């Protein structure tokens, strides 16, 4: 009887040791790292575990963003990437394989279009393309002191409502632009002005309609943008940003504003530093560059309910534009006028 009991005890102990050994050899995953971080394990311990154990990490852009949101530190992320690269079989290096990797990382279709494209890639919904929308350019005497003051200017909203005027349409109709061309509106403030000096006015960018049709149910959307094939621009001159839109008297949403001479929009010379003092409500944003003209972008923190847009902005505020390009939405003007609007719903999570 004693021998049988001892035998059972030894067998049980051996099974426990075997199970523990099996557990220690189980491949470590992203969820394991998140669990360790949430249980407040020291960073050095987490990194040591990542380096010591077999792993099956997912280092896609979406997963790296999820890890960052969960509190995984930079050193821990680097350890995950290093472990993942170590586990991969060696492959011959080539430009083609590098391009394929970049496309896979961006999680969006390969586009052959010359127009900028934006895709909603995260936030609990299937990836989908958001439409590139039409902007309108209005003029007013109101100084761009705040978005709230501009939104209250009835002259601005009247200009936004009036549609494309004859002069602007005559110029824009000769330009093939999928944005629908940037409609230049005058707020009726220059009639009767006789002066040898060209007056300074406020140019204001707005999007028609009081609300976006792209209603998102997440407070942390992620996007992929591709403007690598845009014609007439240097892709490295621009990067994506997220801005908060200001609804104006239930007629439009204001994107931003700047000052310039009243005839600036008709000038073909690239001498307008319109972005150097541009007024807009920038949202703190994480931007990941994949290649020239290809980015992943997401808000740095959860967004409050309201109207927002992804826009393309110059990497340098000193960049100069041609007013006529801006009015016609071509070249650099097309890039700056590009806007993809979305709305964070009141019950978004």
Protein backbone atom coordinates (compact mmCIF):
# COMPACT_ATOMS: atom_id res chain seq x y z
CA UNK A 1 0.00 0.00 0.00
CA UNK A 2 2.81 2.38 0.92
CA UNK A 3 4.58 1.63 -2.33
CA UNK A 4 1.40 2.38 -4.29
CA UNK A 5 0.88 5.70 -2.47
CA UNK A 6 4.51 6.70 -3.04
CA UNK A 7 4.16 5.76 -6.69
CA UNK A 8 1.07 7.93 -7.09
CA UNK A 9 2.77 10.87 -5.36
CA UNK A 10 5.83 10.59 -7.60
CA UNK A 11 3.63 10.34 -10.73
CA UNK A 12 1.65 13.40 -9.69
CA UNK A 13 4.84 15.36 -9.02
CA UNK A 14 6.30 14.37 -12.38
CA UNK A 15 3.10 15.44 -14.16
CA UNK A 16 3.21 18.84 -12.44
CA UNK A 17 6.86 19.34 -13.40
CA UNK A 18 6.08 18.33 -16.98
CA UNK A 19 3.11 20.75 -17.14
CA UNK A 20 5.24 23.57 -15.75
CA UNK A 21 7.92 22.84 -18.34
CA UNK A 22 5.34 22.85 -21.09
CA UNK A 23 3.94 26.15 -19.84
CA UNK A 24 7.40 27.73 -19.79
CA UNK A 25 7.87 26.73 -23.43
CA UNK A 26 4.50 28.15 -24.55
CA UNK A 27 5.04 30.90 -27.09
CA UNK A 28 4.63 34.37 -25.62
CA UNK A 29 2.05 36.59 -27.35
CA UNK A 30 1.01 40.25 -27.39
CA UNK A 31 -1.74 39.49 -24.87
CA UNK A 32 0.82 37.96 -22.47
CA UNK A 33 2.83 41.20 -22.53
CA UNK A 34 -0.30 43.29 -21.96
CA UNK A 35 -1.24 41.06 -18.99
CA UNK A 36 2.21 41.53 -17.44
CA UNK A 37 2.07 45.32 -17.93
CA UNK A 38 -1.43 45.57 -16.43
CA UNK A 39 -0.23 43.58 -13.42
CA UNK A 40 2.51 46.20 -12.93
CA UNK A 41 5.45 43.91 -13.63
CA UNK A 42 8.74 45.90 -13.78
CA UNK A 43 9.87 46.85 -17.28
CA UNK A 44 13.14 44.93 -16.88
CA UNK A 45 11.23 41.74 -15.98
CA UNK A 46 8.90 42.10 -18.99
CA UNK A 47 11.84 42.68 -21.35
CA UNK A 48 13.73 39.68 -19.90
CA UNK A 49 10.68 37.45 -20.36
CA UNK A 50 10.27 38.61 -23.97
CA UNK A 51 13.93 37.84 -24.66
CA UNK A 52 13.99 34.48 -22.86
CA UNK A 53 10.76 32.80 -23.97
CA UNK A 54 9.70 31.53 -27.41
CA UNK A 55 7.32 34.04 -28.98
CA UNK A 56 4.60 34.48 -31.56
CA UNK A 57 4.29 38.26 -31.53
CA UNK A 58 2.11 40.23 -33.96
CA UNK A 59 3.96 43.41 -34.95
CA UNK A 60 1.46 44.81 -37.42
CA UNK A 61 0.76 48.54 -37.19
CA UNK A 62 -2.65 47.94 -35.61
CA UNK A 63 -1.20 45.62 -32.95
CA UNK A 64 1.68 47.97 -32.11
CA UNK A 65 -0.82 50.76 -31.60
CA UNK A 66 -2.91 48.46 -29.36
CA UNK A 67 0.17 47.60 -27.30
CA UNK A 68 1.08 51.27 -26.92
CA UNK A 69 -2.45 52.11 -25.76
CA UNK A 70 -2.25 49.31 -23.20
CA UNK A 71 0.78 50.95 -21.59
CA UNK A 72 3.60 48.88 -23.12
CA UNK A 73 6.78 50.97 -22.95
CA UNK A 74 9.15 51.85 -25.78
CA UNK A 75 11.80 49.39 -24.48
CA UNK A 76 9.21 46.63 -24.27
CA UNK A 77 7.98 47.39 -27.81
CA UNK A 78 11.56 47.29 -29.11
CA UNK A 79 12.07 43.94 -27.40
CA UNK A 80 8.90 42.58 -29.01
CA UNK A 81 10.01 43.74 -32.47
CA UNK A 82 13.50 42.31 -31.96
CA UNK A 83 12.08 38.96 -30.83
CA UNK A 84 9.68 38.93 -33.77
CA UNK A 85 12.45 39.67 -36.28
CA UNK A 86 14.63 36.96 -34.71
CA UNK A 87 11.85 34.41 -35.20
CA UNK A 88 11.41 35.24 -38.89
CA UNK A 89 13.25 33.13 -41.51
CA UNK A 90 15.92 35.02 -43.43
CA UNK A 91 14.76 36.35 -46.79
CA UNK A 92 16.70 37.96 -49.64
CA UNK A 93 16.58 41.75 -49.46
CA UNK A 94 15.03 43.57 -52.41
CA UNK A 95 13.16 46.77 -53.19
CA UNK A 96 10.12 44.73 -54.17
CA UNK A 97 9.95 42.88 -50.84
CA UNK A 98 10.45 46.16 -48.95
CA UNK A 99 7.57 47.75 -50.86
CA UNK A 100 5.36 44.73 -50.16
CA UNK A 101 6.16 44.95 -46.46
CA UNK A 102 5.27 48.64 -46.40
CA UNK A 103 1.93 47.97 -48.08
CA UNK A 104 1.18 45.13 -45.65
CA UNK A 105 2.02 47.34 -42.70
CA UNK A 106 -0.34 50.06 -43.83
CA UNK A 107 -3.24 47.57 -44.03
CA UNK A 108 -4.77 49.36 -47.02
CA UNK A 109 -5.16 48.42 -50.69
CA UNK A 110 -2.39 49.35 -53.12
CA UNK A 111 -3.72 52.42 -54.92
CA UNK A 112 -2.74 53.46 -58.45
CA UNK A 113 -4.76 56.65 -58.23
CA UNK A 114 -3.03 60.02 -58.39
CA UNK A 115 -5.56 61.45 -55.94
CA UNK A 116 -4.88 61.38 -52.19
CA UNK A 117 -6.64 58.48 -50.47
CA UNK A 118 -7.66 57.97 -46.84
CA UNK A 119 -8.76 54.72 -45.21
CA UNK A 120 -10.32 54.12 -41.81
CA UNK A 121 -8.28 51.15 -40.60
CA UNK A 122 -9.11 50.76 -36.91
CA UNK A 123 -11.60 51.46 -34.18
CA UNK A 124 -13.63 48.27 -34.21
CA UNK A 125 -14.92 48.61 -37.78
CA UNK A 126 -13.85 46.98 -41.08
CA UNK A 127 -11.30 48.98 -43.08
CA UNK A 128 -12.97 51.31 -45.57
CA UNK A 129 -12.10 54.32 -47.70
CA UNK A 130 -13.47 57.73 -46.73
CA UNK A 131 -14.39 60.04 -49.61
CA UNK A 132 -12.21 63.04 -50.45
CA UNK A 133 -14.46 66.05 -49.97
CA UNK A 134 -14.90 69.48 -51.54
CA UNK A 135 -13.71 72.58 -49.71
CA UNK A 136 -14.86 76.14 -50.26
CA UNK A 137 -12.74 79.25 -49.85
CA UNK A 138 -14.49 82.38 -48.57
CA UNK A 139 -13.23 85.89 -47.90
CA UNK A 140 -14.16 88.18 -45.03
CA UNK A 141 -12.95 91.31 -43.24
CA UNK A 142 -13.20 89.51 -39.89
CA UNK A 143 -9.71 89.01 -38.49
CA UNK A 144 -8.82 85.37 -37.72
CA UNK A 145 -8.59 85.85 -33.96
CA UNK A 146 -10.50 82.67 -33.15
CA UNK A 147 -12.54 79.99 -34.87
CA UNK A 148 -15.54 81.00 -32.75
CA UNK A 149 -15.48 84.58 -34.06
CA UNK A 150 -15.20 83.39 -37.65
CA UNK A 151 -18.09 80.96 -37.17
CA UNK A 152 -20.27 83.83 -35.95
CA UNK A 153 -19.55 85.97 -39.03
CA UNK A 154 -22.76 86.01 -41.08
CA UNK A 155 -20.86 87.23 -44.17
CA UNK A 156 -18.76 84.06 -44.12
CA UNK A 157 -21.74 81.73 -43.83
CA UNK A 158 -23.55 83.62 -46.61
CA UNK A 159 -20.55 83.13 -48.87
CA UNK A 160 -20.43 79.42 -48.03
CA UNK A 161 -24.12 79.07 -48.80
CA UNK A 162 -24.06 80.91 -52.09
CA UNK A 163 -22.40 78.14 -54.10
CA UNK A 164 -19.77 78.51 -56.80
CA UNK A 165 -19.79 81.99 -58.26
CA UNK A 166 -19.35 82.64 -61.98
CA UNK A 167 -15.75 83.84 -61.84
CA UNK A 168 -14.53 80.96 -59.70
CA UNK A 169 -16.41 78.39 -61.77
CA UNK A 170 -14.92 79.77 -64.99
CA UNK A 171 -11.42 79.15 -63.63
CA UNK A 172 -12.14 75.89 -61.86
CA UNK A 173 -14.01 74.23 -64.74
CA UNK A 174 -10.75 74.03 -66.72
CA UNK A 175 -9.06 72.01 -64.00
CA UNK A 176 -9.61 68.27 -63.74
CA UNK A 177 -9.82 67.72 -59.98
CA UNK A 178 -11.66 64.92 -58.21
CA UNK A 179 -12.00 67.16 -55.17
CA UNK A 180 -14.63 69.07 -57.12
CA UNK A 181 -12.40 72.16 -57.15
CA UNK A 182 -12.12 74.63 -54.31
CA UNK A 183 -14.94 77.14 -54.75
CA UNK A 184 -13.77 80.69 -54.10
CA UNK A 185 -16.50 82.82 -52.57
CA UNK A 186 -16.52 86.53 -51.82
CA UNK A 187 -18.38 87.61 -48.72
CA UNK A 188 -19.60 90.83 -50.35
CA UNK A 189 -17.26 93.10 -48.42
CA UNK A 190 -15.35 94.67 -51.31
CA UNK A 191 -18.03 96.44 -53.29
CA UNK A 192 -17.33 100.16 -53.43
CA UNK A 193 -13.76 99.79 -52.13
CA UNK A 194 -11.54 102.10 -54.16
CA UNK A 195 -7.90 102.13 -53.15
CA UNK A 196 -4.46 102.12 -54.70
CA UNK A 197 -3.40 99.59 -52.08
CA UNK A 198 -4.63 96.02 -52.15
CA UNK A 199 -6.53 95.42 -48.88
CA UNK A 200 -5.70 92.52 -46.56
CA UNK A 201 -8.52 90.05 -46.04
CA UNK A 202 -9.10 86.78 -44.23
CA UNK A 203 -9.25 83.66 -46.37
CA UNK A 204 -11.31 80.97 -44.75
CA UNK A 205 -11.57 77.27 -45.64
CA UNK A 206 -14.88 75.53 -44.96
CA UNK A 207 -16.73 72.32 -45.71
CA UNK A 208 -20.39 72.56 -46.80
CA UNK A 209 -23.13 71.02 -44.62
CA UNK A 210 -23.36 71.27 -40.83
CA UNK A 211 -22.29 67.68 -40.14
CA UNK A 212 -20.31 64.84 -41.69
CA UNK A 213 -22.04 61.74 -43.03
CA UNK A 214 -19.11 59.65 -41.78
CA UNK A 215 -20.31 58.92 -38.24
CA UNK A 216 -17.81 56.87 -36.19
CA UNK A 217 -18.67 54.84 -33.11
CA UNK A 218 -15.13 54.90 -31.73
CA UNK A 219 -13.29 57.63 -29.82
CA UNK A 220 -9.92 56.31 -31.03
CA UNK A 221 -10.08 55.97 -34.83
CA UNK A 222 -6.97 55.07 -36.82
CA UNK A 223 -6.37 56.04 -40.43
CA UNK A 224 -4.01 55.26 -43.29
CA UNK A 225 -3.35 57.98 -45.88
CA UNK A 226 -1.67 57.64 -49.27
CA UNK A 227 -0.73 60.67 -51.37
CA UNK A 228 2.46 59.15 -52.79
CA UNK A 229 1.28 59.46 -56.40
CA UNK A 230 -0.10 63.01 -56.27
CA UNK A 231 0.95 64.96 -59.36
CA UNK A 232 2.89 68.22 -59.17
CA UNK A 233 3.91 67.96 -55.50
CA UNK A 234 6.80 66.63 -53.44
CA UNK A 235 5.31 64.02 -51.10
CA UNK A 236 7.86 64.71 -48.36
CA UNK A 237 6.63 68.32 -48.17
CA UNK A 238 3.40 67.15 -46.49
CA UNK A 239 2.18 65.06 -43.59
CA UNK A 240 -1.31 64.22 -42.31
CA UNK A 241 -2.94 65.91 -39.31
CA UNK A 242 -6.29 65.76 -37.52
CA UNK A 243 -8.16 69.01 -36.92
CA UNK A 244 -11.37 69.80 -35.06
CA UNK A 245 -13.97 71.51 -37.24
CA UNK A 246 -16.05 74.46 -36.07
CA UNK A 247 -19.74 74.39 -37.11
CA UNK A 248 -20.87 77.79 -38.40
CA UNK A 249 -24.55 78.75 -38.00
CA UNK A 250 -25.79 75.37 -39.20
CA UNK A 251 -24.46 75.96 -42.73
CA UNK A 252 -20.89 74.67 -42.86
CA UNK A 253 -17.89 73.57 -40.82
CA UNK A 254 -14.82 75.80 -40.71
CA UNK A 255 -11.46 74.07 -41.26
CA UNK A 256 -9.11 77.04 -40.80
CA UNK A 257 -8.23 80.56 -41.88
CA UNK A 258 -5.34 82.86 -42.72
CA UNK A 259 -4.75 86.42 -43.92
CA UNK A 260 -3.55 87.58 -47.31
CA UNK A 261 -3.97 90.25 -49.95
CA UNK A 262 -7.37 90.44 -51.60
CA UNK A 263 -5.90 89.46 -54.98
CA UNK A 264 -3.73 86.66 -53.57
CA UNK A 265 -5.96 83.88 -54.88
CA UNK A 266 -5.48 85.02 -58.47
CA UNK A 267 -1.67 85.19 -58.33
CA UNK A 268 0.24 82.44 -60.18
CA UNK A 269 3.45 83.19 -58.26
CA UNK A 270 4.38 80.76 -55.51
CA UNK A 271 5.08 83.46 -52.93
CA UNK A 272 2.18 83.17 -50.45
CA UNK A 273 3.24 81.87 -47.03
CA UNK A 274 -0.37 81.22 -46.15
CA UNK A 275 0.38 78.51 -43.57
CA UNK A 276 2.88 80.54 -41.53
CA UNK A 277 0.05 82.10 -39.47
CA UNK A 278 -2.75 79.65 -40.25
CA UNK A 279 -5.50 79.37 -37.63
CA UNK A 280 -6.84 75.86 -37.00
CA UNK A 281 -7.68 73.59 -34.07
CA UNK A 282 -5.06 70.85 -34.28
CA UNK A 283 -5.69 67.62 -32.41
CA UNK A 284 -2.59 66.03 -30.77
CA UNK A 285 -1.81 63.19 -33.12
CA UNK A 286 0.46 60.15 -33.48
CA UNK A 287 1.83 60.03 -37.04
CA UNK A 288 3.79 57.04 -38.39
CA UNK A 289 5.59 57.48 -41.71
CA UNK A 290 5.75 54.28 -43.78
CA UNK A 291 7.20 55.79 -46.96
CA UNK A 292 7.11 59.08 -48.85
CA UNK A 293 3.42 60.07 -48.95
CA UNK A 294 2.24 57.05 -46.94
CA UNK A 295 1.31 57.40 -43.27
CA UNK A 296 -0.68 55.92 -40.43
CA UNK A 297 -2.33 58.52 -38.22
CA UNK A 298 -4.37 58.40 -35.02
CA UNK A 299 -5.34 60.83 -32.22
CA UNK A 300 -2.96 60.83 -29.25
CA UNK A 301 -5.92 60.58 -26.89
CA UNK A 302 -9.63 59.78 -27.10
CA UNK A 303 -11.69 62.27 -29.10
CA UNK A 304 -14.69 64.07 -27.64
CA UNK A 305 -17.97 63.89 -29.63
CA UNK A 306 -17.97 66.41 -32.47
CA UNK A 307 -16.81 67.18 -36.00
CA UNK A 308 -13.25 66.43 -37.15
CA UNK A 309 -11.22 66.03 -40.32
CA UNK A 310 -7.98 64.53 -41.54
CA UNK A 311 -6.04 67.11 -43.58
CA UNK A 312 -2.63 67.34 -45.29
CA UNK A 313 -0.36 70.07 -43.99
CA UNK A 314 3.12 71.30 -45.01
CA UNK A 315 6.00 69.85 -43.03
CA UNK A 316 7.36 73.42 -42.85
CA UNK A 317 5.21 76.44 -42.01
CA UNK A 318 7.42 78.51 -44.32
CA UNK A 319 6.26 76.66 -47.44
CA UNK A 320 5.03 79.02 -50.15
CA UNK A 321 1.92 78.51 -52.31
CA UNK A 322 0.53 79.91 -55.52
CA UNK A 323 -2.84 81.51 -54.81
CA UNK A 324 -4.21 80.37 -58.15
CA UNK A 325 -3.21 76.76 -57.38
CA UNK A 326 -5.08 77.00 -54.08
CA UNK A 327 -8.16 78.46 -55.78
CA UNK A 328 -8.11 75.78 -58.47
CA UNK A 329 -7.24 72.92 -56.09
CA UNK A 330 -4.32 71.76 -58.18
CA UNK A 331 -0.79 70.74 -57.20
CA UNK A 332 0.06 72.13 -53.76
CA UNK A 333 -3.41 73.66 -53.64
CA UNK A 334 -5.00 70.23 -54.05
CA UNK A 335 -2.97 68.90 -51.14
CA UNK A 336 -3.83 71.77 -48.81
CA UNK A 337 -7.51 71.81 -49.80
CA UNK A 338 -7.89 68.03 -49.34
CA UNK A 339 -10.15 67.14 -46.42
CA UNK A 340 -11.76 63.95 -45.11
CA UNK A 341 -14.40 64.74 -42.51
CA UNK A 342 -15.81 62.47 -39.81
CA UNK A 343 -18.05 62.79 -36.79
CA UNK A 344 -17.51 61.17 -33.38
CA UNK A 345 -20.98 60.24 -32.18
CA UNK A 346 -22.26 61.00 -28.68
CA UNK A 347 -22.36 57.30 -27.79
CA UNK A 348 -18.97 56.41 -29.29
CA UNK A 349 -16.76 54.12 -27.22
